[in-house]
């Protein structure tokens, strides 16, 4: 049994721009999905690194193990939504 809507285009069509803005704001406060997983792995990596580093090695922070973050500008969000709308082909 499948619960919910699993087709991205149907989800996009059913959301208003206000709904999308609210989800983006929620994601900034409480990240979910791949971004959250990346953060948790970076956090674990920083803990392990600092636990096993040598005495002369500087400690590392979670940010040292994260890739470049994308700023959620209006242009970036619009481009992302256009990709969903038109596909990547």
Foldseek 3Di string as FASTA:
>chain_A
DDPDDDQLVVVLVPDDPVRVVVVVVVCVVPNDDPVVVLLVVLQVVQVVCQVPPDPPDDRDHSVVRHDDDDDPDPVVVVVVVVCSVVPPD
